[in-house]
Amino acid sequence: MEFTAALQKLGGYQPRSSLKAKETLKTGVAQLRSGTFPPRGDNGFETAEGLFLAALDEGDVETAQQCLEILVNKFPESPRVDCLTGILMEAKESPDDVLNFYTALLEADSSNAAIWRRKAGVLRRKGKIDQAVEELCALLDTFYTEVEAWLELADIYSSCQQYTHALQTLSHALLLAPQNPLHVLHFAETAYLVPDIPLALKMFLQAVDMTDDDEQDGISPADTVPTGLALRAWFGVKLCTHKLVTEPKASNSPSQIASPTANVLASLDDLATERLRTAYLETTRESPPTAGAQFIEAVARIIPA
């Protein structure tokens, strides 16, 4: 894995149990006991790091400590190992000790963006939201292209219901990674909460364009079942069209985006309803309610997080 990308991944790492982590841990522990770990060659570091993270995913701090000791001995000056050390400390030590460790690292070398992000994460978990925001803003003043940091900052703003600030922050992530449909969808959902419904509708439709394949094995999008991000995007379109039709004031747009005409709204609403009805039937094997609000409430239960 490319060094910078690996650090970016570590900057946002949070333990999460999974089947893959369980399998990696089982195989790695057996190799540790046999003395054949880590393997020689270029992949040794990544293999040890992978087992370290899998161990933390599954709550095995002892195995993670063994992996870290191997990495520290082989790569004592590595910024990547420093980040792994901090991650293990987060699992074992007090938040204040971890913050002191991260602060010392940044005072010695402020170029490790992953450490900056991890420090902000610890501050956020401690409830020190203002300080977490300050750290992320300082990071982004220095490393503007850190897309994940922009997303994390936006998430903090959203958690505080500061949706306008979150939207402004997400605009930077979109500028840096416009090809990512998840960022477009996140932007649309945040615009809906501002609320800026015309802007939200525009971005939900863009997300639909990015997630609905033009054609799959000769089958047109109209004949497929929307899933995943495409399903979320169509649900967003339905929310927007319903609100614009039923609440005239919803057409007011802080971003000065014009609301579609009544005919266009009706067509979009019909199309979104058809797409969501198809997904609902496929998922539940039942027909959803036909009324607007009841239909939305029912379909919301099948929308992926």
Protein backbone atom coordinates (compact mmCIF):
# COMPACT_ATOMS: atom_id res chain seq x y z
CA MET A 1 0.00 0.00 0.00
CA GLU A 2 1.30 3.44 -0.92
CA PHE A 3 2.75 5.17 2.17
CA THR A 4 0.57 8.31 2.16
CA ALA A 5 -2.61 6.33 1.50
CA ALA A 6 -1.71 3.96 4.34
CA LEU A 7 -1.30 6.87 6.75
CA GLN A 8 -4.61 8.37 5.64
CA LYS A 9 -6.31 5.07 6.35
CA LEU A 10 -4.75 4.87 9.81
CA GLY A 11 -5.81 8.43 10.55
CA GLY A 12 -9.46 7.42 10.42
CA TYR A 13 -9.20 3.84 11.69
CA GLN A 14 -11.76 2.71 14.28
CA PRO A 15 -12.02 -0.90 15.54
CA ARG A 16 -14.80 -2.86 13.84
CA SER A 17 -15.32 -6.58 14.18
CA SER A 18 -15.74 -8.49 10.91
CA LEU A 19 -15.43 -11.97 9.48
CA LYS A 20 -12.30 -10.91 7.59
CA ALA A 21 -10.70 -9.63 10.81
CA LYS A 22 -11.51 -12.90 12.58
CA GLU A 23 -9.90 -14.94 9.79
CA THR A 24 -6.82 -12.70 9.65
CA LEU A 25 -6.41 -12.94 13.43
CA LYS A 26 -6.77 -16.73 13.47
CA THR A 27 -4.17 -17.22 10.73
CA GLY A 28 -1.79 -14.60 12.11
CA VAL A 29 -1.84 -15.90 15.68
CA ALA A 30 -0.95 -19.38 14.40
CA GLN A 31 2.01 -17.91 12.50
CA LEU A 32 3.10 -15.92 15.53
CA ARG A 33 3.16 -19.08 17.64
CA SER A 34 5.09 -20.99 14.99
CA GLY A 35 7.73 -18.28 14.68
CA THR A 36 7.05 -17.70 10.97
CA PHE A 37 5.60 -14.22 11.40
CA PRO A 38 5.96 -11.78 9.80
CA PRO A 39 6.95 -13.09 6.37
CA ARG A 40 10.16 -11.85 4.81
CA GLY A 41 10.14 -9.43 1.94
CA ASP A 42 8.35 -6.26 1.00
CA ASN A 43 5.00 -7.40 2.36
CA GLY A 44 6.25 -8.03 5.89
CA PHE A 45 5.27 -4.59 7.21
CA GLU A 46 1.79 -4.64 5.73
CA THR A 47 1.16 -8.18 6.96
CA ALA A 48 2.16 -7.25 10.51
CA GLU A 49 0.10 -4.07 10.34
CA GLY A 50 -2.88 -6.04 9.02
CA LEU A 51 -2.70 -8.49 11.92
CA PHE A 52 -2.29 -5.58 14.37
CA LEU A 53 -5.50 -3.94 13.12
CA ALA A 54 -7.39 -7.25 12.94
CA ALA A 55 -6.41 -7.96 16.55
CA LEU A 56 -7.77 -4.58 17.67
CA ASP A 57 -10.92 -5.13 15.60
CA GLU A 58 -11.51 -8.29 17.65
CA GLY A 59 -10.38 -6.84 20.99
CA ASP A 60 -7.16 -8.89 21.20
CA VAL A 61 -4.86 -6.24 22.67
CA GLU A 62 -2.14 -8.77 23.53
CA THR A 63 -1.67 -9.87 19.91
CA ALA A 64 -1.76 -6.25 18.76
CA GLN A 65 1.02 -5.49 21.26
CA GLN A 66 3.14 -8.34 19.87
CA CYS A 67 2.72 -7.04 16.33
CA LEU A 68 3.60 -3.51 17.39
CA GLU A 69 6.78 -4.69 19.10
CA ILE A 70 7.84 -6.41 15.87
CA LEU A 71 7.19 -3.25 13.88
CA VAL A 72 8.90 -0.94 16.37
CA ASN A 73 12.02 -3.13 16.35
CA LYS A 74 12.17 -3.18 12.55
CA PHE A 75 11.05 0.38 11.83
CA PRO A 76 11.77 2.48 14.94
CA GLU A 77 11.60 5.86 13.16
CA SER A 78 8.53 5.21 11.04
CA PRO A 79 5.66 7.77 11.24
CA ARG A 80 3.36 4.88 10.39
CA VAL A 81 4.54 2.96 13.44
CA ASP A 82 4.06 6.08 15.55
CA CYS A 83 0.44 6.13 14.42
CA LEU A 84 0.00 2.44 15.25
CA THR A 85 1.49 3.09 18.68
CA GLY A 86 -1.09 5.79 19.27
CA ILE A 87 -3.93 3.57 18.09
CA LEU A 88 -2.91 0.87 20.57
CA MET A 89 -2.62 3.47 23.32
CA GLU A 90 -6.19 4.55 22.56
CA ALA A 91 -7.26 0.98 23.38
CA LYS A 92 -5.20 0.74 26.58
CA GLU A 93 -4.38 4.15 28.03
CA SER A 94 -6.31 7.15 29.30
CA PRO A 95 -7.38 9.78 26.72
CA ASP A 96 -5.12 12.34 28.41
CA ASP A 97 -2.05 10.10 28.02
CA VAL A 98 -2.91 9.54 24.37
CA LEU A 99 -3.34 13.27 23.78
CA ASN A 100 0.04 13.95 25.38
CA PHE A 101 1.61 11.35 23.10
CA TYR A 102 0.05 12.83 19.97
CA THR A 103 0.92 16.38 21.01
CA ALA A 104 4.57 15.43 21.52
CA LEU A 105 4.71 13.77 18.10
CA LEU A 106 3.22 16.83 16.40
CA GLU A 107 5.60 19.19 18.20
CA ALA A 108 8.49 17.12 16.86
CA ASP A 109 7.02 16.73 13.36
CA SER A 110 3.81 18.46 12.30
CA SER A 111 3.78 16.80 8.88
CA ASN A 112 2.04 13.60 10.04
CA ALA A 113 -1.56 14.36 9.12
CA ALA A 114 -2.75 10.99 10.45
CA ILE A 115 -1.60 11.90 13.95
CA TRP A 116 -3.45 15.21 13.69
CA ARG A 117 -6.66 13.40 12.76
CA ARG A 118 -6.30 10.86 15.53
CA LYS A 119 -5.74 13.64 18.06
CA ALA A 120 -8.92 15.34 16.86
CA GLY A 121 -10.77 12.04 17.20
CA VAL A 122 -9.67 11.61 20.82
CA LEU A 123 -10.73 15.18 21.62
CA ARG A 124 -14.12 14.53 20.04
CA ARG A 125 -14.66 11.37 22.07
CA LYS A 126 -13.78 13.33 25.19
CA GLY A 127 -16.51 15.82 24.32
CA LYS A 128 -14.05 18.61 23.56
CA ILE A 129 -15.73 19.44 20.27
CA ASP A 130 -14.34 22.97 19.92
CA GLN A 131 -10.78 21.69 20.31
CA ALA A 132 -11.40 18.85 17.84
CA VAL A 133 -12.64 21.38 15.29
CA GLU A 134 -9.58 23.58 15.93
CA GLU A 135 -7.25 20.64 15.32
CA LEU A 136 -8.98 19.65 12.08
CA CYS A 137 -9.05 23.24 10.83
CA ALA A 138 -5.34 23.59 11.59
CA LEU A 139 -4.68 20.32 9.78
CA LEU A 140 -6.64 21.42 6.72
CA ASP A 141 -4.94 24.81 6.64
CA THR A 142 -1.71 22.86 6.17
CA PHE A 143 -2.95 19.84 4.21
CA TYR A 144 -5.89 21.07 2.14
CA THR A 145 -6.14 17.87 0.09
CA GLU A 146 -6.95 15.62 3.09
CA VAL A 147 -10.43 14.63 1.91
CA GLU A 148 -11.14 12.38 4.90
CA ALA A 149 -10.36 15.23 7.29
CA TRP A 150 -12.89 17.45 5.48
CA LEU A 151 -15.46 14.67 5.83
CA GLU A 152 -14.70 14.25 9.52
CA LEU A 153 -15.03 17.98 10.12
CA ALA A 154 -18.36 17.97 8.28
CA ASP A 155 -19.53 15.06 10.40
CA ILE A 156 -18.71 17.00 13.57
CA TYR A 157 -20.67 20.01 12.33
CA SER A 158 -23.62 17.77 11.43
CA SER A 159 -23.56 16.10 14.85
CA CYS A 160 -23.92 19.60 16.33
CA GLN A 161 -26.75 20.38 13.85
CA GLN A 162 -24.62 23.07 12.22
CA TYR A 163 -25.70 21.93 8.78
CA THR A 164 -24.71 25.08 6.90
CA HIS A 165 -21.13 24.76 8.16
CA ALA A 166 -21.21 21.04 7.33
CA LEU A 167 -22.37 21.82 3.79
CA GLN A 168 -19.61 24.38 3.29
CA THR A 169 -17.09 21.84 4.52
CA LEU A 170 -18.41 19.09 2.26
CA SER A 171 -18.05 21.40 -0.73
CA HIS A 172 -14.27 21.13 -0.28
CA ALA A 173 -14.46 17.33 -0.26
CA LEU A 174 -16.52 17.46 -3.47
CA LEU A 175 -14.01 19.78 -5.08
CA LEU A 176 -11.20 17.37 -4.25
CA ALA A 177 -13.04 14.15 -5.11
CA PRO A 178 -15.96 14.97 -7.43
CA GLN A 179 -16.04 11.45 -8.84
CA ASN A 180 -17.06 9.84 -5.54
CA PRO A 181 -20.86 9.28 -5.45
CA LEU A 182 -20.85 8.84 -1.67
CA HIS A 183 -19.56 12.40 -1.22
CA VAL A 184 -22.24 13.70 -3.60
CA LEU A 185 -24.91 11.80 -1.67
CA HIS A 186 -23.59 13.07 1.66
CA PHE A 187 -23.67 16.63 0.30
CA ALA A 188 -27.27 16.17 -0.91
CA GLU A 189 -28.45 14.76 2.41
CA THR A 190 -26.82 17.63 4.29
CA ALA A 191 -28.36 20.20 1.92
CA TYR A 192 -31.75 18.65 2.71
CA LEU A 193 -31.14 19.30 6.42
CA VAL A 194 -30.01 22.93 5.95
CA PRO A 195 -32.74 23.07 4.47
CA ASP A 196 -31.95 23.87 0.85
CA ILE A 197 -34.34 21.53 -0.93
CA PRO A 198 -33.72 22.67 -4.54
CA LEU A 199 -29.97 22.19 -4.04
CA ALA A 200 -30.56 18.83 -2.36
CA LEU A 201 -32.72 17.66 -5.27
CA LYS A 202 -30.08 18.71 -7.79
CA MET A 203 -27.38 16.76 -5.93
CA PHE A 204 -29.57 13.69 -5.32
CA LEU A 205 -30.19 13.56 -9.07
CA GLN A 206 -26.46 13.83 -9.67
CA ALA A 207 -25.93 10.92 -7.28
CA VAL A 208 -28.55 8.93 -9.20
CA ASP A 209 -26.66 9.57 -12.43
CA MET A 210 -23.44 8.37 -10.80
CA THR A 211 -24.88 5.22 -9.22
CA ASP A 212 -27.43 4.00 -11.77
CA ASP A 213 -25.51 2.19 -14.53
CA ASP A 214 -26.44 3.28 -18.04
CA GLU A 215 -26.94 -0.35 -18.95
CA GLN A 216 -26.27 -3.68 -17.25
CA ASP A 217 -25.95 -6.69 -19.55
CA GLY A 218 -28.36 -5.12 -22.01
CA ILE A 219 -30.88 -4.20 -19.29
CA SER A 220 -31.88 -0.54 -19.00
CA PRO A 221 -31.80 1.16 -15.57
CA ALA A 222 -35.61 1.32 -15.59
CA ASP A 223 -35.73 -2.49 -15.52
CA THR A 224 -33.23 -2.95 -12.69
CA VAL A 225 -33.75 -2.81 -8.92
CA PRO A 226 -31.97 0.12 -7.25
CA THR A 227 -29.79 -0.89 -4.30
CA GLY A 228 -27.17 0.66 -2.03
CA LEU A 229 -26.23 4.23 -2.86
CA ALA A 230 -28.61 4.33 -5.81
CA LEU A 231 -31.51 3.44 -3.52
CA ARG A 232 -30.51 6.16 -1.05
CA ALA A 233 -30.25 8.66 -3.89
CA TRP A 234 -33.71 7.83 -5.23
CA PHE A 235 -35.15 8.09 -1.72
CA GLY A 236 -33.60 11.55 -1.46
CA VAL A 237 -35.21 12.54 -4.77
CA LYS A 238 -38.59 11.37 -3.44
CA LEU A 239 -38.16 13.32 -0.18
CA CYS A 240 -37.33 16.48 -2.11
CA THR A 241 -40.10 16.23 -4.69
CA HIS A 242 -42.67 15.44 -1.99
CA LYS A 243 -41.60 18.44 0.07
CA LEU A 244 -41.49 20.80 -2.90
CA VAL A 245 -44.99 19.70 -3.99
CA THR A 246 -46.59 19.83 -0.53
CA GLU A 247 -44.72 22.77 1.04
CA PRO A 248 -44.42 25.84 -1.20
CA LYS A 249 -41.90 27.51 1.13
CA ALA A 250 -39.52 24.59 0.53
CA SER A 251 -38.63 26.12 -2.83
CA ASN A 252 -36.71 28.87 -1.02
CA SER A 253 -33.03 28.16 -1.68
CA PRO A 254 -30.18 29.79 0.28
CA SER A 255 -27.90 28.83 -2.62
CA GLN A 256 -30.23 30.44 -5.16
CA ILE A 257 -30.92 27.14 -6.96
CA ALA A 258 -34.19 27.34 -8.89
CA SER A 259 -36.84 24.76 -8.11
CA PRO A 260 -38.02 22.68 -11.10
CA THR A 261 -41.33 23.53 -12.75
CA ALA A 262 -44.48 21.79 -11.55
CA ASN A 263 -44.48 19.44 -14.56
CA VAL A 264 -40.85 18.45 -14.05
CA LEU A 265 -41.44 17.91 -10.33
CA ALA A 266 -44.41 15.68 -11.05
CA SER A 267 -42.37 13.61 -13.51
CA LEU A 268 -39.47 13.28 -11.08
CA ASP A 269 -41.82 12.33 -8.27
CA ASP A 270 -43.46 9.64 -10.39
CA LEU A 271 -40.08 8.25 -11.46
CA ALA A 272 -38.71 8.20 -7.89
CA THR A 273 -41.90 6.53 -6.66
CA GLU A 274 -41.61 3.82 -9.33
CA ARG A 275 -37.95 3.16 -8.53
CA LEU A 276 -38.61 2.96 -4.78
CA ARG A 277 -41.71 0.80 -5.25
CA THR A 278 -39.63 -1.65 -7.29
CA ALA A 279 -37.00 -1.82 -4.53
CA TYR A 280 -39.65 -2.21 -1.82
CA LEU A 281 -41.39 -5.05 -3.64
CA GLU A 282 -38.05 -6.82 -4.23
CA THR A 283 -37.01 -6.43 -0.58
CA THR A 284 -40.25 -7.16 1.27
CA ARG A 285 -42.30 -9.07 -1.32
CA GLU A 286 -45.15 -6.75 -0.36
CA SER A 287 -46.70 -3.66 -1.93
CA PRO A 288 -45.98 -0.38 -0.12
CA PRO A 289 -48.75 2.09 0.80
CA THR A 290 -49.82 4.34 -2.05
CA ALA A 291 -50.22 7.64 -0.14
CA GLY A 292 -47.29 10.10 -0.12
CA ALA A 293 -46.29 10.34 3.54
CA GLN A 294 -47.18 6.71 4.30
CA PHE A 295 -45.25 5.56 1.25
CA ILE A 296 -42.15 7.49 2.36
CA GLU A 297 -42.40 6.11 5.90
CA ALA A 298 -42.63 2.54 4.63
CA VAL A 299 -39.81 2.84 2.12
CA ALA A 300 -37.54 4.47 4.72
CA ARG A 301 -37.30 1.09 6.45
CA ILE A 302 -35.40 -0.46 3.53
CA ILE A 303 -32.96 2.40 2.93
CA PRO A 304 -29.34 1.44 3.79
CA ALA A 305 -27.48 3.63 6.28
